[in-house]
């Protein structure tokens, strides 16, 4: 067989920070070039600072409670702690490497509070949040919440001690995530040690993107700085990431099958047509999502 071609880069964006209360947020998706990557209609990187849910130092409220419908929300802490509360009775705190996954389905009210890990050596938090747009057949599902501690997330060690891949969604080689997928979506946390390289063969039916939360990297021969979203074109068969720095870096690699249904969104509701958006609001005002 012939040599595999590296995937072309469709576009890259340096994602600027915006303040939301005491959080710095980099909202990488949607953007001016892409409404979605695979089924993902939102990707944001959140960094912490000072207020907890009870007002004590060390954490920061995100957006306070909001209603969601038609999506599944995944929150993953690279560092720090995330506290989750929802209207179906869950209240859980998870530290670095933990995952909160909430299928909003037909409607839920929830809040997540992001902050530094109590007693930890890192005074800040780094968290990624993604929204998966559910298929029309799943948008009316009963809400579900799942939490995963770090030890529950499959990890694949790379050859020659180059680093590892945590499989948060989907599959990677012989590892499979424990969170339900509704198409071929995937989410990997790649840790790449100094001077090492990671490569993976791609699927022509899948859309791919990468985000650099901290640290620079060389991706398919091009250099990128921290805070950049990289979206790959369909041409090519391989993604190659090199760490030419002196310390380990993290890469968030994600994507999936293109979403084939209409996307109509307003606020935290993502549906398939305007009537469904109106119904989502009506159900919320009628109290059908519950309360915190």
C-alpha atoms as a PDB file:
ATOM      1  CA  UNK A   1       0.000   0.000   0.000  1.00  0.00           C
ATOM      2  CA  UNK A   2       1.123   3.554  -0.706  1.00  0.00           C
ATOM      3  CA  UNK A   3       1.990   6.194   1.845  1.00  0.00           C
ATOM      4  CA  UNK A   4      -0.929   7.833   3.629  1.00  0.00           C
ATOM      5  CA  UNK A   5      -1.546  11.516   3.041  1.00  0.00           C
ATOM      6  CA  UNK A   6      -1.893  13.892   5.962  1.00  0.00           C
ATOM      7  CA  UNK A   7      -5.298  15.515   6.148  1.00  0.00           C
ATOM      8  CA  UNK A   8      -5.442  19.055   4.846  1.00  0.00           C
ATOM      9  CA  UNK A   9      -6.379  21.732   7.318  1.00  0.00           C
ATOM     10  CA  UNK A  10      -9.641  23.358   6.301  1.00  0.00           C
ATOM     11  CA  UNK A  11      -9.185  26.306   8.669  1.00  0.00           C
ATOM     12  CA  UNK A  12      -7.748  27.267  12.051  1.00  0.00           C
ATOM     13  CA  UNK A  13      -8.873  29.929  14.503  1.00  0.00           C
ATOM     14  CA  UNK A  14      -7.182  31.456  17.516  1.00  0.00           C
ATOM     15  CA  UNK A  15     -10.049  31.544  20.004  1.00  0.00           C
ATOM     16  CA  UNK A  16     -10.145  34.766  22.005  1.00  0.00           C
ATOM     17  CA  UNK A  17     -11.159  34.753  25.644  1.00  0.00           C
ATOM     18  CA  UNK A  18     -14.370  36.361  26.843  1.00  0.00           C
ATOM     19  CA  UNK A  19     -15.206  36.958  30.483  1.00  0.00           C
ATOM     20  CA  UNK A  20     -18.386  35.539  31.971  1.00  0.00           C
ATOM     21  CA  UNK A  21     -18.434  36.612  35.590  1.00  0.00           C
ATOM     22  CA  UNK A  22     -15.217  35.204  36.985  1.00  0.00           C
ATOM     23  CA  UNK A  23     -14.662  32.694  34.183  1.00  0.00           C
ATOM     24  CA  UNK A  24     -12.581  33.078  31.065  1.00  0.00           C
ATOM     25  CA  UNK A  25     -14.336  31.290  28.202  1.00  0.00           C
ATOM     26  CA  UNK A  26     -12.943  30.356  24.801  1.00  0.00           C
ATOM     27  CA  UNK A  27     -15.926  29.410  22.653  1.00  0.00           C
ATOM     28  CA  UNK A  28     -14.476  27.577  19.691  1.00  0.00           C
ATOM     29  CA  UNK A  29     -17.740  26.290  18.229  1.00  0.00           C
ATOM     30  CA  UNK A  30     -19.931  27.509  16.633  1.00  0.00           C
ATOM     31  CA  UNK A  31     -17.798  30.033  14.755  1.00  0.00           C
ATOM     32  CA  UNK A  32     -17.908  32.065  11.548  1.00  0.00           C
ATOM     33  CA  UNK A  33     -16.752  29.103   9.456  1.00  0.00           C
ATOM     34  CA  UNK A  34     -18.558  26.141  11.040  1.00  0.00           C
ATOM     35  CA  UNK A  35     -21.900  25.670  12.782  1.00  0.00           C
ATOM     36  CA  UNK A  36     -20.955  22.152  13.872  1.00  0.00           C
ATOM     37  CA  UNK A  37     -18.222  19.514  13.757  1.00  0.00           C
ATOM     38  CA  UNK A  38     -19.924  16.158  13.380  1.00  0.00           C
ATOM     39  CA  UNK A  39     -22.800  16.244  15.898  1.00  0.00           C
ATOM     40  CA  UNK A  40     -21.053  18.782  18.157  1.00  0.00           C
ATOM     41  CA  UNK A  41     -22.731  22.189  18.070  1.00  0.00           C
ATOM     42  CA  UNK A  42     -20.790  23.733  20.955  1.00  0.00           C
ATOM     43  CA  UNK A  43     -17.209  23.466  22.142  1.00  0.00           C
ATOM     44  CA  UNK A  44     -15.844  25.759  24.800  1.00  0.00           C
ATOM     45  CA  UNK A  45     -12.803  25.875  27.030  1.00  0.00           C
ATOM     46  CA  UNK A  46     -13.439  27.377  30.460  1.00  0.00           C
ATOM     47  CA  UNK A  47     -10.828  28.579  32.903  1.00  0.00           C
ATOM     48  CA  UNK A  48     -11.526  29.271  36.554  1.00  0.00           C
ATOM     49  CA  UNK A  49     -11.019  31.817  39.182  1.00  0.00           C
ATOM     50  CA  UNK A  50     -12.592  32.814  42.490  1.00  0.00           C
ATOM     51  CA  UNK A  51     -16.093  32.112  43.793  1.00  0.00           C
ATOM     52  CA  UNK A  52     -17.786  28.861  44.817  1.00  0.00           C
ATOM     53  CA  UNK A  53     -21.472  28.034  45.062  1.00  0.00           C
ATOM     54  CA  UNK A  54     -21.467  29.175  48.716  1.00  0.00           C
ATOM     55  CA  UNK A  55     -19.369  32.276  48.047  1.00  0.00           C
ATOM     56  CA  UNK A  56     -16.128  30.930  49.503  1.00  0.00           C
ATOM     57  CA  UNK A  57     -12.829  31.485  47.689  1.00  0.00           C
ATOM     58  CA  UNK A  58     -11.476  29.006  45.184  1.00  0.00           C
ATOM     59  CA  UNK A  59     -14.162  28.429  42.548  1.00  0.00           C
ATOM     60  CA  UNK A  60     -16.344  30.267  40.102  1.00  0.00           C
ATOM     61  CA  UNK A  61     -19.991  29.918  39.088  1.00  0.00           C
ATOM     62  CA  UNK A  62     -20.367  29.445  35.352  1.00  0.00           C
ATOM     63  CA  UNK A  63     -23.669  30.670  33.970  1.00  0.00           C
ATOM     64  CA  UNK A  64     -25.901  29.747  36.923  1.00  0.00           C
ATOM     65  CA  UNK A  65     -28.810  27.421  36.211  1.00  0.00           C
ATOM     66  CA  UNK A  66     -30.273  27.174  32.711  1.00  0.00           C
ATOM     67  CA  UNK A  67     -32.752  24.982  30.899  1.00  0.00           C
ATOM     68  CA  UNK A  68     -31.466  22.737  28.093  1.00  0.00           C
ATOM     69  CA  UNK A  69     -33.249  20.598  25.537  1.00  0.00           C
ATOM     70  CA  UNK A  70     -32.387  18.505  22.485  1.00  0.00           C
ATOM     71  CA  UNK A  71     -28.721  17.972  23.342  1.00  0.00           C
ATOM     72  CA  UNK A  72     -26.303  15.954  25.467  1.00  0.00           C
ATOM     73  CA  UNK A  73     -23.835  18.019  27.494  1.00  0.00           C
ATOM     74  CA  UNK A  74     -20.376  16.713  28.357  1.00  0.00           C
ATOM     75  CA  UNK A  75     -18.078  18.512  30.781  1.00  0.00           C
ATOM     76  CA  UNK A  76     -14.508  17.256  31.240  1.00  0.00           C
ATOM     77  CA  UNK A  77     -12.018  18.667  33.740  1.00  0.00           C
ATOM     78  CA  UNK A  78      -8.392  18.662  32.639  1.00  0.00           C
ATOM     79  CA  UNK A  79      -7.566  20.394  35.920  1.00  0.00           C
ATOM     80  CA  UNK A  80      -9.707  21.742  38.744  1.00  0.00           C
ATOM     81  CA  UNK A  81     -13.084  20.672  40.067  1.00  0.00           C
ATOM     82  CA  UNK A  82     -16.580  20.764  38.546  1.00  0.00           C
ATOM     83  CA  UNK A  83     -19.685  20.657  40.732  1.00  0.00           C
ATOM     84  CA  UNK A  84     -22.888  19.528  38.983  1.00  0.00           C
ATOM     85  CA  UNK A  85     -26.505  20.100  40.076  1.00  0.00           C
ATOM     86  CA  UNK A  86     -29.654  19.304  38.105  1.00  0.00           C
ATOM     87  CA  UNK A  87     -33.445  19.227  38.308  1.00  0.00           C
ATOM     88  CA  UNK A  88     -33.631  15.426  38.315  1.00  0.00           C
ATOM     89  CA  UNK A  89     -31.939  15.219  41.685  1.00  0.00           C
ATOM     90  CA  UNK A  90     -28.207  14.913  41.089  1.00  0.00           C
ATOM     91  CA  UNK A  91     -25.463  16.804  42.943  1.00  0.00           C
ATOM     92  CA  UNK A  92     -21.916  15.644  42.338  1.00  0.00           C
ATOM     93  CA  UNK A  93     -18.375  17.040  42.483  1.00  0.00           C
ATOM     94  CA  UNK A  94     -15.586  15.643  40.319  1.00  0.00           C
ATOM     95  CA  UNK A  95     -11.903  16.564  40.206  1.00  0.00           C
ATOM     96  CA  UNK A  96      -9.269  16.436  37.438  1.00  0.00           C
ATOM     97  CA  UNK A  97     -10.016  13.820  34.813  1.00  0.00           C
ATOM     98  CA  UNK A  98     -13.671  13.514  35.811  1.00  0.00           C
ATOM     99  CA  UNK A  99     -16.616  13.696  33.403  1.00  0.00           C
ATOM    100  CA  UNK A 100     -20.183  14.940  33.861  1.00  0.00           C
ATOM    101  CA  UNK A 101     -22.514  13.820  31.048  1.00  0.00           C
ATOM    102  CA  UNK A 102     -26.104  15.007  30.879  1.00  0.00           C
ATOM    103  CA  UNK A 103     -28.584  13.973  28.206  1.00  0.00           C
ATOM    104  CA  UNK A 104     -31.020  16.871  28.341  1.00  0.00           C
ATOM    105  CA  UNK A 105     -33.466  15.124  26.008  1.00  0.00           C
ATOM    106  CA  UNK A 106     -36.936  16.594  26.491  1.00  0.00           C
ATOM    107  CA  UNK A 107     -35.696  19.119  29.023  1.00  0.00           C
ATOM    108  CA  UNK A 108     -33.599  19.631  32.151  1.00  0.00           C
ATOM    109  CA  UNK A 109     -32.411  22.508  34.314  1.00  0.00           C
ATOM    110  CA  UNK A 110     -28.815  22.242  35.443  1.00  0.00           C
ATOM    111  CA  UNK A 111     -25.818  24.188  36.689  1.00  0.00           C
ATOM    112  CA  UNK A 112     -22.121  23.445  36.911  1.00  0.00           C
ATOM    113  CA  UNK A 113     -19.659  25.335  39.067  1.00  0.00           C
ATOM    114  CA  UNK A 114     -16.026  25.343  38.024  1.00  0.00           C
ATOM    115  CA  UNK A 115     -13.078  26.009  40.287  1.00  0.00           C
ATOM    116  CA  UNK A 116      -9.672  24.980  41.534  1.00  0.00           C
ATOM    117  CA  UNK A 117      -9.347  21.562  43.118  1.00  0.00           C
ATOM    118  CA  UNK A 118      -9.538  21.978  46.903  1.00  0.00           C
ATOM    119  CA  UNK A 119      -6.146  21.224  48.408  1.00  0.00           C
ATOM    120  CA  UNK A 120      -4.591  20.787  44.973  1.00  0.00           C
ATOM    121  CA  UNK A 121      -1.329  22.297  43.785  1.00  0.00           C
ATOM    122  CA  UNK A 122      -2.937  23.988  40.759  1.00  0.00           C
ATOM    123  CA  UNK A 123      -4.816  27.172  41.718  1.00  0.00           C
ATOM    124  CA  UNK A 124      -6.723  27.322  38.428  1.00  0.00           C
ATOM    125  CA  UNK A 125      -9.086  25.054  36.502  1.00  0.00           C
ATOM    126  CA  UNK A 126      -9.150  24.075  32.836  1.00  0.00           C
ATOM    127  CA  UNK A 127     -12.400  22.499  31.615  1.00  0.00           C
ATOM    128  CA  UNK A 128     -13.865  21.658  28.214  1.00  0.00           C
ATOM    129  CA  UNK A 129     -17.591  21.482  27.549  1.00  0.00           C
ATOM    130  CA  UNK A 130     -19.281  20.085  24.443  1.00  0.00           C
ATOM    131  CA  UNK A 131     -22.883  19.844  23.294  1.00  0.00           C
ATOM    132  CA  UNK A 132     -23.864  16.869  21.172  1.00  0.00           C
ATOM    133  CA  UNK A 133     -26.886  17.584  18.981  1.00  0.00           C
ATOM    134  CA  UNK A 134     -29.220  14.634  19.469  1.00  0.00           C
ATOM    135  CA  UNK A 135     -31.026  13.100  16.526  1.00  0.00           C
ATOM    136  CA  UNK A 136     -34.708  13.980  16.223  1.00  0.00           C
ATOM    137  CA  UNK A 137     -35.635  10.518  17.536  1.00  0.00           C
ATOM    138  CA  UNK A 138     -33.716  11.200  20.774  1.00  0.00           C
ATOM    139  CA  UNK A 139     -34.677  14.826  21.430  1.00  0.00           C
ATOM    140  CA  UNK A 140     -37.744  13.756  23.422  1.00  0.00           C
ATOM    141  CA  UNK A 141     -35.887  11.157  25.512  1.00  0.00           C
ATOM    142  CA  UNK A 142     -36.107  11.234  29.295  1.00  0.00           C
ATOM    143  CA  UNK A 143     -33.158  13.201  30.776  1.00  0.00           C
ATOM    144  CA  UNK A 144     -30.230  11.132  32.034  1.00  0.00           C
ATOM    145  CA  UNK A 145     -27.160  12.057  34.087  1.00  0.00           C
ATOM    146  CA  UNK A 146     -23.921  10.079  34.310  1.00  0.00           C
ATOM    147  CA  UNK A 147     -20.666  10.857  36.090  1.00  0.00           C
ATOM    148  CA  UNK A 148     -17.345   9.157  35.516  1.00  0.00           C
ATOM    149  CA  UNK A 149     -14.375   9.304  37.860  1.00  0.00           C
ATOM    150  CA  UNK A 150     -10.939   9.407  36.191  1.00  0.00           C
ATOM    151  CA  UNK A 151     -10.299   5.710  36.767  1.00  0.00           C
ATOM    152  CA  UNK A 152     -13.475   4.864  34.809  1.00  0.00           C
ATOM    153  CA  UNK A 153     -12.200   6.490  31.615  1.00  0.00           C
ATOM    154  CA  UNK A 154     -10.340   4.080  29.285  1.00  0.00           C
ATOM    155  CA  UNK A 155      -6.737   5.066  28.574  1.00  0.00           C
ATOM    156  CA  UNK A 156      -4.450   3.834  25.816  1.00  0.00           C
ATOM    157  CA  UNK A 157      -0.721   4.207  26.348  1.00  0.00           C
ATOM    158  CA  UNK A 158       1.124   5.285  23.219  1.00  0.00           C
ATOM    159  CA  UNK A 159       4.054   3.341  21.835  1.00  0.00           C
ATOM    160  CA  UNK A 160       7.550   3.988  23.237  1.00  0.00           C
ATOM    161  CA  UNK A 161       6.206   5.994  26.159  1.00  0.00           C
ATOM    162  CA  UNK A 162       5.171   8.934  23.971  1.00  0.00           C
ATOM    163  CA  UNK A 163       2.100   9.676  26.100  1.00  0.00           C
ATOM    164  CA  UNK A 164      -1.471   8.438  26.247  1.00  0.00           C
ATOM    165  CA  UNK A 165      -4.992   8.812  24.852  1.00  0.00           C
ATOM    166  CA  UNK A 166      -8.035   9.014  27.141  1.00  0.00           C
ATOM    167  CA  UNK A 167     -11.162   7.831  25.345  1.00  0.00           C
ATOM    168  CA  UNK A 168     -13.969  10.021  26.674  1.00  0.00           C
ATOM    169  CA  UNK A 169     -16.415   9.367  23.833  1.00  0.00           C
ATOM    170  CA  UNK A 170     -16.335   6.753  21.107  1.00  0.00           C
ATOM    171  CA  UNK A 171     -13.568   4.240  20.445  1.00  0.00           C
ATOM    172  CA  UNK A 172      -9.806   4.317  19.948  1.00  0.00           C
ATOM    173  CA  UNK A 173      -8.064   1.118  18.879  1.00  0.00           C
ATOM    174  CA  UNK A 174      -9.085  -1.474  21.501  1.00  0.00           C
ATOM    175  CA  UNK A 175     -10.558   1.020  23.981  1.00  0.00           C
ATOM    176  CA  UNK A 176     -14.222   2.072  24.135  1.00  0.00           C
ATOM    177  CA  UNK A 177     -15.774   4.847  26.210  1.00  0.00           C
ATOM    178  CA  UNK A 178     -18.543   4.118  28.700  1.00  0.00           C
ATOM    179  CA  UNK A 179     -20.758   7.004  27.596  1.00  0.00           C
ATOM    180  CA  UNK A 180     -23.485   6.273  25.052  1.00  0.00           C
ATOM    181  CA  UNK A 181     -22.933   7.529  21.520  1.00  0.00           C
ATOM    182  CA  UNK A 182     -25.727   8.215  19.050  1.00  0.00           C
ATOM    183  CA  UNK A 183     -23.530   8.240  15.957  1.00  0.00           C
ATOM    184  CA  UNK A 184     -19.775   7.842  15.365  1.00  0.00           C
ATOM    185  CA  UNK A 185     -18.814  10.781  17.561  1.00  0.00           C
ATOM    186  CA  UNK A 186     -15.557  10.687  19.504  1.00  0.00           C
ATOM    187  CA  UNK A 187     -13.681  12.782  22.047  1.00  0.00           C
ATOM    188  CA  UNK A 188     -10.063  12.074  22.995  1.00  0.00           C
ATOM    189  CA  UNK A 189      -7.733  13.739  25.465  1.00  0.00           C
ATOM    190  CA  UNK A 190      -4.227  13.197  24.080  1.00  0.00           C
ATOM    191  CA  UNK A 191      -1.221  13.768  26.372  1.00  0.00           C
ATOM    192  CA  UNK A 192       1.976  14.013  24.356  1.00  0.00           C
ATOM    193  CA  UNK A 193       5.341  14.136  26.084  1.00  0.00           C
ATOM    194  CA  UNK A 194       8.130  16.514  25.125  1.00  0.00           C
ATOM    195  CA  UNK A 195       9.735  15.738  21.781  1.00  0.00           C
ATOM    196  CA  UNK A 196       7.232  13.010  20.936  1.00  0.00           C
ATOM    197  CA  UNK A 197       4.707  12.406  18.155  1.00  0.00           C
ATOM    198  CA  UNK A 198       1.172  11.025  17.851  1.00  0.00           C
ATOM    199  CA  UNK A 199      -0.548   9.928  14.647  1.00  0.00           C
ATOM    200  CA  UNK A 200      -3.893   8.366  13.862  1.00  0.00           C
ATOM    201  CA  UNK A 201      -5.572   7.125  10.705  1.00  0.00           C
ATOM    202  CA  UNK A 202      -8.862   8.838   9.910  1.00  0.00           C
ATOM    203  CA  UNK A 203     -12.249   7.687   8.628  1.00  0.00           C
ATOM    204  CA  UNK A 204     -13.456   9.389   5.405  1.00  0.00           C
ATOM    205  CA  UNK A 205     -17.022   9.547   6.788  1.00  0.00           C
ATOM    206  CA  UNK A 206     -15.964  11.499   9.904  1.00  0.00           C
ATOM    207  CA  UNK A 207     -15.330  15.210  10.487  1.00  0.00           C
ATOM    208  CA  UNK A 208     -12.266  15.964  12.632  1.00  0.00           C
ATOM    209  CA  UNK A 209     -11.094  18.878  14.744  1.00  0.00           C
ATOM    210  CA  UNK A 210      -8.464  19.526  17.415  1.00  0.00           C
ATOM    211  CA  UNK A 211      -8.128  22.137  20.155  1.00  0.00           C
ATOM    212  CA  UNK A 212      -4.972  23.117  22.025  1.00  0.00           C
ATOM    213  CA  UNK A 213      -5.962  24.166  25.562  1.00  0.00           C
ATOM    214  CA  UNK A 214      -2.377  24.982  26.584  1.00  0.00           C
ATOM    215  CA  UNK A 215       0.956  24.587  24.848  1.00  0.00           C
ATOM    216  CA  UNK A 216       2.019  24.787  21.214  1.00  0.00           C
ATOM    217  CA  UNK A 217       2.012  21.892  18.741  1.00  0.00           C
ATOM    218  CA  UNK A 218       2.872  21.007  15.163  1.00  0.00           C
ATOM    219  CA  UNK A 219      -0.183  19.530  13.462  1.00  0.00           C
ATOM    220  CA  UNK A 220       0.207  17.953  10.026  1.00  0.00           C
ATOM    221  CA  UNK A 221       3.350  19.986   9.454  1.00  0.00           C
ATOM    222  CA  UNK A 222       2.007  23.366  10.610  1.00  0.00           C
ATOM    223  CA  UNK A 223       2.812  25.112  13.879  1.00  0.00           C
ATOM    224  CA  UNK A 224      -0.036  26.261  16.131  1.00  0.00           C
ATOM    225  CA  UNK A 225      -0.146  28.083  19.445  1.00  0.00           C
ATOM    226  CA  UNK A 226      -2.271  27.409  22.510  1.00  0.00           C
ATOM    227  CA  UNK A 227      -5.942  28.368  22.178  1.00  0.00           C
ATOM    228  CA  UNK A 228      -6.247  27.400  18.511  1.00  0.00           C
ATOM    229  CA  UNK A 229      -9.067  25.328  17.007  1.00  0.00           C
ATOM    230  CA  UNK A 230      -7.918  23.273  14.007  1.00  0.00           C
ATOM    231  CA  UNK A 231     -10.560  21.874  11.650  1.00  0.00           C
ATOM    232  CA  UNK A 232      -9.515  19.302   9.078  1.00  0.00           C
ATOM    233  CA  UNK A 233     -10.710  18.979   5.491  1.00  0.00           C
ATOM    234  CA  UNK A 234     -12.015  15.727   4.049  1.00  0.00           C
ATOM    235  CA  UNK A 235      -8.920  15.153   1.890  1.00  0.00           C
ATOM    236  CA  UNK A 236      -6.241  12.997   3.475  1.00  0.00           C
ATOM    237  CA  UNK A 237      -6.043   9.928   5.660  1.00  0.00           C
ATOM    238  CA  UNK A 238      -3.930  10.794   8.696  1.00  0.00           C
ATOM    239  CA  UNK A 239      -3.559  13.301  11.526  1.00  0.00           C
ATOM    240  CA  UNK A 240      -0.053  13.752  12.931  1.00  0.00           C
ATOM    241  CA  UNK A 241       0.717  15.854  16.011  1.00  0.00           C
ATOM    242  CA  UNK A 242       4.231  16.661  17.197  1.00  0.00           C
ATOM    243  CA  UNK A 243       5.342  18.184  20.479  1.00  0.00           C
ATOM    244  CA  UNK A 244       8.566  20.066  19.790  1.00  0.00           C
ATOM    245  CA  UNK A 245       8.558  21.736  23.211  1.00  0.00           C
ATOM    246  CA  UNK A 246      10.290  20.893  26.462  1.00  0.00           C
ATOM    247  CA  UNK A 247       7.232  19.773  28.438  1.00  0.00           C
ATOM    248  CA  UNK A 248       4.145  17.613  27.896  1.00  0.00           C
ATOM    249  CA  UNK A 249       1.143  19.092  26.103  1.00  0.00           C
ATOM    250  CA  UNK A 250      -2.575  18.281  25.970  1.00  0.00           C
ATOM    251  CA  UNK A 251      -4.631  18.047  22.789  1.00  0.00           C
ATOM    252  CA  UNK A 252      -8.397  17.629  22.593  1.00  0.00           C
ATOM    253  CA  UNK A 253      -9.292  15.695  19.436  1.00  0.00           C
ATOM    254  CA  UNK A 254     -12.976  15.386  18.556  1.00  0.00           C
ATOM    255  CA  UNK A 255     -15.453  14.876  15.729  1.00  0.00           C
ATOM    256  CA  UNK A 256     -18.036  12.572  14.245  1.00  0.00           C
ATOM    257  CA  UNK A 257     -20.403  11.911  11.404  1.00  0.00           C
ATOM    258  CA  UNK A 258     -21.926  15.083   9.925  1.00  0.00           C
ATOM    259  CA  UNK A 259     -25.328  15.864  11.409  1.00  0.00           C
ATOM    260  CA  UNK A 260     -27.831  15.251   8.620  1.00  0.00           C
ATOM    261  CA  UNK A 261     -30.966  16.929  10.026  1.00  0.00           C
ATOM    262  CA  UNK A 262     -31.857  20.647  10.157  1.00  0.00           C
ATOM    263  CA  UNK A 263     -30.303  22.550  13.076  1.00  0.00           C
ATOM    264  CA  UNK A 264     -32.371  25.278  14.697  1.00  0.00           C
ATOM    265  CA  UNK A 265     -31.018  26.657  17.963  1.00  0.00           C
ATOM    266  CA  UNK A 266     -31.959  29.394  20.369  1.00  0.00           C
ATOM    267  CA  UNK A 267     -30.186  29.843  23.666  1.00  0.00           C
ATOM    268  CA  UNK A 268     -29.701  26.405  25.189  1.00  0.00           C
ATOM    269  CA  UNK A 269     -32.353  24.710  23.061  1.00  0.00           C
ATOM    270  CA  UNK A 270     -31.183  22.875  19.917  1.00  0.00           C
ATOM    271  CA  UNK A 271     -34.004  21.436  17.847  1.00  0.00           C
ATOM    272  CA  UNK A 272     -34.909  20.703  14.217  1.00  0.00           C
ATOM    273  CA  UNK A 273     -37.442  23.447  13.467  1.00  0.00           C
ATOM    274  CA  UNK A 274     -38.796  26.714  14.934  1.00  0.00           C
ATOM    275  CA  UNK A 275     -42.003  25.070  16.192  1.00  0.00           C
ATOM    276  CA  UNK A 276     -39.933  22.738  18.391  1.00  0.00           C
ATOM    277  CA  UNK A 277     -38.084  25.746  19.814  1.00  0.00           C
ATOM    278  CA  UNK A 278     -41.414  27.353  20.725  1.00  0.00           C
ATOM    279  CA  UNK A 279     -42.560  24.104  22.329  1.00  0.00           C
ATOM    280  CA  UNK A 280     -39.319  23.903  24.312  1.00  0.00           C
ATOM    281  CA  UNK A 281     -39.986  27.357  25.783  1.00  0.00           C
ATOM    282  CA  UNK A 282     -43.624  26.519  26.513  1.00  0.00           C
ATOM    283  CA  UNK A 283     -42.661  23.335  28.355  1.00  0.00           C
ATOM    284  CA  UNK A 284     -40.045  25.210  30.356  1.00  0.00           C
ATOM    285  CA  UNK A 285     -42.476  27.943  31.411  1.00  0.00           C
ATOM    286  CA  UNK A 286     -45.012  25.236  32.303  1.00  0.00           C
ATOM    287  CA  UNK A 287     -42.480  23.796  34.754  1.00  0.00           C
ATOM    288  CA  UNK A 288     -41.950  20.509  32.907  1.00  0.00           C
ATOM    289  CA  UNK A 289     -38.152  20.632  33.301  1.00  0.00           C
ATOM    290  CA  UNK A 290     -38.271  20.822  37.093  1.00  0.00           C
ATOM    291  CA  UNK A 291     -36.218  23.134  39.272  1.00  0.00           C
ATOM    292  CA  UNK A 292     -32.929  23.095  41.117  1.00  0.00           C
END
